Amino acid sequence: MNRYLVDTSVWIDFFRQRKTSGVDEFYRILDCGAHYGITELIYQEVIQGGLSEKDFTRLADYLGMQTFFQPKYHPETYRQAAQNLFRLSP
């Protein structure tokens, strides 16, 4: 079975309910039950774009349950880095 890496731009469009070719492909992957995952940097990039503290937490919790391909550090390290940037952003 194929494994798919779902990139940051696809997650952002997916969560914002945008209809793009990347999101369409992601739905196809979901529908056929294919194995997909993210990397720590994708995790960090997506969650630091949260629009509120609640949104940040919701994104971090959901993506934190996904498969991480080739993890070097625990995802919490990237969550903390994203949270630092999120809190410093206007």
N, C-alpha and C. Protein backbone atom coordinates (compact mmCIF):
# COMPACT_ATOMS: atom_id res chain seq x y z
N MET A 1 0.85 -1.18 0.00
CA MET A 1 0.00 0.00 0.00
C MET A 1 0.89 1.24 0.00
N ASN A 2 0.47 2.23 -0.75
CA ASN A 2 1.21 3.49 -0.82
C ASN A 2 1.07 4.29 0.46
N ARG A 3 2.09 5.09 0.73
CA ARG A 3 2.07 6.02 1.85
C ARG A 3 2.18 7.42 1.26
N TYR A 4 1.40 8.34 1.80
CA TYR A 4 1.35 9.70 1.27
C TYR A 4 1.74 10.70 2.34
N LEU A 5 2.59 11.64 1.96
CA LEU A 5 2.96 12.75 2.82
C LEU A 5 2.05 13.92 2.44
N VAL A 6 1.24 14.37 3.39
CA VAL A 6 0.31 15.46 3.13
C VAL A 6 0.97 16.76 3.56
N ASP A 7 1.21 17.63 2.59
CA ASP A 7 1.99 18.84 2.81
C ASP A 7 1.16 19.95 3.49
N THR A 8 1.87 20.93 3.99
CA THR A 8 1.28 22.06 4.72
C THR A 8 0.15 22.73 3.94
N SER A 9 0.40 23.03 2.68
CA SER A 9 -0.60 23.75 1.89
C SER A 9 -1.90 22.96 1.76
N VAL A 10 -1.80 21.65 1.67
CA VAL A 10 -3.01 20.82 1.58
C VAL A 10 -3.78 20.87 2.90
N TRP A 11 -3.08 20.77 4.02
CA TRP A 11 -3.75 20.84 5.32
C TRP A 11 -4.44 22.18 5.51
N ILE A 12 -3.77 23.26 5.14
CA ILE A 12 -4.36 24.59 5.31
C ILE A 12 -5.63 24.70 4.48
N ASP A 13 -5.56 24.30 3.22
CA ASP A 13 -6.75 24.34 2.37
C ASP A 13 -7.84 23.41 2.88
N PHE A 14 -7.46 22.26 3.36
CA PHE A 14 -8.40 21.28 3.90
C PHE A 14 -9.16 21.88 5.09
N PHE A 15 -8.44 22.46 6.04
CA PHE A 15 -9.07 23.04 7.22
C PHE A 15 -9.90 24.28 6.89
N ARG A 16 -9.52 25.00 5.87
CA ARG A 16 -10.27 26.20 5.47
C ARG A 16 -11.38 25.87 4.47
N GLN A 17 -11.53 24.58 4.20
CA GLN A 17 -12.58 24.06 3.31
C GLN A 17 -12.50 24.67 1.92
N ARG A 18 -11.28 24.82 1.43
CA ARG A 18 -11.07 25.31 0.07
C ARG A 18 -11.07 24.11 -0.88
N LYS A 19 -11.60 24.31 -2.04
CA LYS A 19 -11.61 23.26 -3.05
C LYS A 19 -10.40 23.45 -3.96
N THR A 20 -9.40 22.61 -3.78
CA THR A 20 -8.20 22.65 -4.60
C THR A 20 -7.90 21.24 -5.07
N SER A 21 -7.01 21.13 -6.03
CA SER A 21 -6.64 19.79 -6.51
C SER A 21 -5.95 18.99 -5.40
N GLY A 22 -5.18 19.67 -4.54
CA GLY A 22 -4.53 18.98 -3.43
C GLY A 22 -5.53 18.43 -2.43
N VAL A 23 -6.54 19.21 -2.12
CA VAL A 23 -7.59 18.76 -1.20
C VAL A 23 -8.40 17.64 -1.83
N ASP A 24 -8.70 17.76 -3.12
CA ASP A 24 -9.41 16.68 -3.81
C ASP A 24 -8.63 15.38 -3.74
N GLU A 25 -7.34 15.45 -3.94
CA GLU A 25 -6.49 14.25 -3.85
C GLU A 25 -6.46 13.71 -2.43
N PHE A 26 -6.42 14.60 -1.45
CA PHE A 26 -6.43 14.17 -0.05
C PHE A 26 -7.73 13.43 0.28
N TYR A 27 -8.85 13.94 -0.20
CA TYR A 27 -10.13 13.23 0.00
C TYR A 27 -10.09 11.85 -0.65
N ARG A 28 -9.46 11.75 -1.82
CA ARG A 28 -9.33 10.46 -2.48
C ARG A 28 -8.51 9.50 -1.62
N ILE A 29 -7.44 10.02 -1.03
CA ILE A 29 -6.60 9.22 -0.15
C ILE A 29 -7.40 8.76 1.07
N LEU A 30 -8.17 9.67 1.65
CA LEU A 30 -9.00 9.32 2.81
C LEU A 30 -10.05 8.27 2.44
N ASP A 31 -10.69 8.47 1.29
CA ASP A 31 -11.76 7.57 0.87
C ASP A 31 -11.28 6.14 0.62
N CYS A 32 -10.06 6.00 0.11
CA CYS A 32 -9.57 4.65 -0.18
C CYS A 32 -8.83 4.03 1.00
N GLY A 33 -8.73 4.77 2.11
CA GLY A 33 -8.10 4.22 3.31
C GLY A 33 -6.59 4.09 3.21
N ALA A 34 -5.98 4.88 2.33
CA ALA A 34 -4.52 4.83 2.17
C ALA A 34 -3.84 5.41 3.40
N HIS A 35 -2.61 4.99 3.60
CA HIS A 35 -1.80 5.44 4.74
C HIS A 35 -1.21 6.81 4.41
N TYR A 36 -1.41 7.78 5.29
CA TYR A 36 -0.86 9.11 5.07
C TYR A 36 -0.27 9.63 6.38
N GLY A 37 0.54 10.65 6.27
CA GLY A 37 1.14 11.23 7.46
C GLY A 37 1.73 12.58 7.19
N ILE A 38 2.42 13.07 8.20
CA ILE A 38 3.04 14.39 8.15
C ILE A 38 4.45 14.29 8.73
N THR A 39 5.18 15.38 8.65
CA THR A 39 6.46 15.49 9.34
C THR A 39 6.32 16.51 10.46
N GLU A 40 7.33 16.59 11.29
CA GLU A 40 7.28 17.55 12.39
C GLU A 40 7.17 18.99 11.89
N LEU A 41 7.86 19.30 10.79
CA LEU A 41 7.81 20.67 10.27
C LEU A 41 6.45 21.01 9.69
N ILE A 42 5.80 20.05 9.05
CA ILE A 42 4.44 20.28 8.56
C ILE A 42 3.53 20.55 9.75
N TYR A 43 3.66 19.75 10.79
CA TYR A 43 2.89 19.94 12.03
C TYR A 43 3.07 21.36 12.55
N GLN A 44 4.33 21.79 12.66
CA GLN A 44 4.62 23.11 13.19
C GLN A 44 4.05 24.21 12.30
N GLU A 45 4.25 24.09 11.01
CA GLU A 45 3.78 25.13 10.09
C GLU A 45 2.26 25.29 10.14
N VAL A 46 1.55 24.19 10.19
CA VAL A 46 0.08 24.28 10.19
C VAL A 46 -0.44 24.85 11.50
N ILE A 47 0.05 24.35 12.63
CA ILE A 47 -0.54 24.80 13.89
C ILE A 47 -0.17 26.23 14.25
N GLN A 48 0.99 26.70 13.80
CA GLN A 48 1.36 28.09 14.13
C GLN A 48 0.48 29.08 13.38
N GLY A 49 -0.28 28.61 12.39
CA GLY A 49 -1.19 29.47 11.66
C GLY A 49 -2.58 29.55 12.27
N GLY A 50 -2.75 28.98 13.46
CA GLY A 50 -4.05 29.05 14.13
C GLY A 50 -4.50 30.50 14.32
N LEU A 51 -5.79 30.71 14.23
CA LEU A 51 -6.32 32.07 14.31
C LEU A 51 -6.62 32.52 15.74
N SER A 52 -6.67 31.58 16.66
CA SER A 52 -6.94 31.88 18.06
C SER A 52 -6.28 30.80 18.91
N GLU A 53 -6.24 31.01 20.20
CA GLU A 53 -5.68 30.00 21.10
C GLU A 53 -6.46 28.69 20.99
N LYS A 54 -7.78 28.81 20.90
CA LYS A 54 -8.64 27.62 20.75
C LYS A 54 -8.34 26.91 19.44
N ASP A 55 -8.21 27.66 18.37
CA ASP A 55 -7.90 27.09 17.06
C ASP A 55 -6.53 26.42 17.08
N PHE A 56 -5.56 27.08 17.68
CA PHE A 56 -4.21 26.51 17.80
C PHE A 56 -4.28 25.16 18.50
N THR A 57 -4.97 25.09 19.62
CA THR A 57 -5.06 23.86 20.40
C THR A 57 -5.78 22.76 19.61
N ARG A 58 -6.85 23.14 18.94
CA ARG A 58 -7.61 22.16 18.15
C ARG A 58 -6.74 21.58 17.04
N LEU A 59 -6.03 22.43 16.32
CA LEU A 59 -5.14 21.97 15.26
C LEU A 59 -4.02 21.09 15.81
N ALA A 60 -3.40 21.55 16.90
CA ALA A 60 -2.29 20.80 17.49
C ALA A 60 -2.74 19.43 17.97
N ASP A 61 -3.89 19.37 18.59
CA ASP A 61 -4.40 18.08 19.07
C ASP A 61 -4.73 17.14 17.93
N TYR A 62 -5.41 17.66 16.90
CA TYR A 62 -5.79 16.81 15.77
C TYR A 62 -4.57 16.31 15.01
N LEU A 63 -3.68 17.23 14.64
CA LEU A 63 -2.51 16.83 13.87
C LEU A 63 -1.54 16.00 14.71
N GLY A 64 -1.55 16.22 16.02
CA GLY A 64 -0.68 15.44 16.89
C GLY A 64 -1.04 13.97 16.93
N MET A 65 -2.24 13.62 16.49
CA MET A 65 -2.68 12.23 16.45
C MET A 65 -2.37 11.56 15.10
N GLN A 66 -1.82 12.32 14.16
CA GLN A 66 -1.53 11.76 12.84
C GLN A 66 -0.22 10.97 12.88
N THR A 67 0.01 10.20 11.85
CA THR A 67 1.28 9.48 11.71
C THR A 67 2.37 10.48 11.35
N PHE A 68 3.48 10.41 12.07
CA PHE A 68 4.64 11.25 11.77
C PHE A 68 5.67 10.38 11.06
N PHE A 69 6.05 10.80 9.85
CA PHE A 69 7.06 10.08 9.09
C PHE A 69 8.44 10.53 9.54
N GLN A 70 9.28 9.58 9.83
CA GLN A 70 10.67 9.79 10.23
C GLN A 70 10.83 10.86 11.30
N PRO A 71 10.18 10.68 12.42
CA PRO A 71 10.31 11.69 13.47
C PRO A 71 11.72 11.72 14.05
N LYS A 72 12.25 12.91 14.16
CA LYS A 72 13.57 13.09 14.78
C LYS A 72 13.42 13.49 16.24
N TYR A 73 12.43 14.34 16.50
CA TYR A 73 12.15 14.78 17.85
C TYR A 73 10.68 14.54 18.14
N HIS A 74 10.32 14.54 19.37
CA HIS A 74 8.92 14.36 19.75
C HIS A 74 8.11 15.55 19.23
N PRO A 75 6.91 15.31 18.72
CA PRO A 75 6.09 16.42 18.20
C PRO A 75 5.88 17.56 19.19
N GLU A 76 5.95 17.30 20.48
CA GLU A 76 5.77 18.37 21.48
C GLU A 76 6.81 19.47 21.30
N THR A 77 8.02 19.10 20.87
CA THR A 77 9.06 20.10 20.61
C THR A 77 8.59 21.10 19.56
N TYR A 78 7.96 20.60 18.51
CA TYR A 78 7.48 21.45 17.43
C TYR A 78 6.22 22.20 17.83
N ARG A 79 5.42 21.60 18.69
CA ARG A 79 4.24 22.30 19.20
C ARG A 79 4.68 23.52 20.00
N GLN A 80 5.69 23.35 20.83
CA GLN A 80 6.18 24.47 21.64
C GLN A 80 6.78 25.56 20.76
N ALA A 81 7.52 25.17 19.72
CA ALA A 81 8.09 26.16 18.80
C ALA A 81 6.99 26.93 18.08
N ALA A 82 5.98 26.22 17.63
CA ALA A 82 4.86 26.87 16.95
C ALA A 82 4.09 27.78 17.90
N GLN A 83 3.94 27.34 19.14
CA GLN A 83 3.20 28.14 20.11
C GLN A 83 3.96 29.44 20.42
N ASN A 84 5.28 29.35 20.49
CA ASN A 84 6.08 30.56 20.70
C ASN A 84 5.85 31.56 19.56
N LEU A 85 5.91 31.09 18.32
CA LEU A 85 5.68 31.98 17.19
C LEU A 85 4.25 32.49 17.19
N PHE A 86 3.29 31.63 17.47
CA PHE A 86 1.88 32.02 17.50
C PHE A 86 1.66 33.14 18.50
N ARG A 87 2.23 33.02 19.67
CA ARG A 87 2.03 34.02 20.73
C ARG A 87 2.73 35.33 20.43
N LEU A 88 3.80 35.28 19.63
CA LEU A 88 4.54 36.50 19.30
C LEU A 88 3.93 37.22 18.10
N SER A 89 3.09 36.53 17.34
CA SER A 89 2.48 37.13 16.16
C SER A 89 1.35 38.08 16.57
N PRO A 90 1.21 39.19 15.83
CA PRO A 90 0.14 40.15 16.17
C PRO A 90 -1.24 39.59 15.89
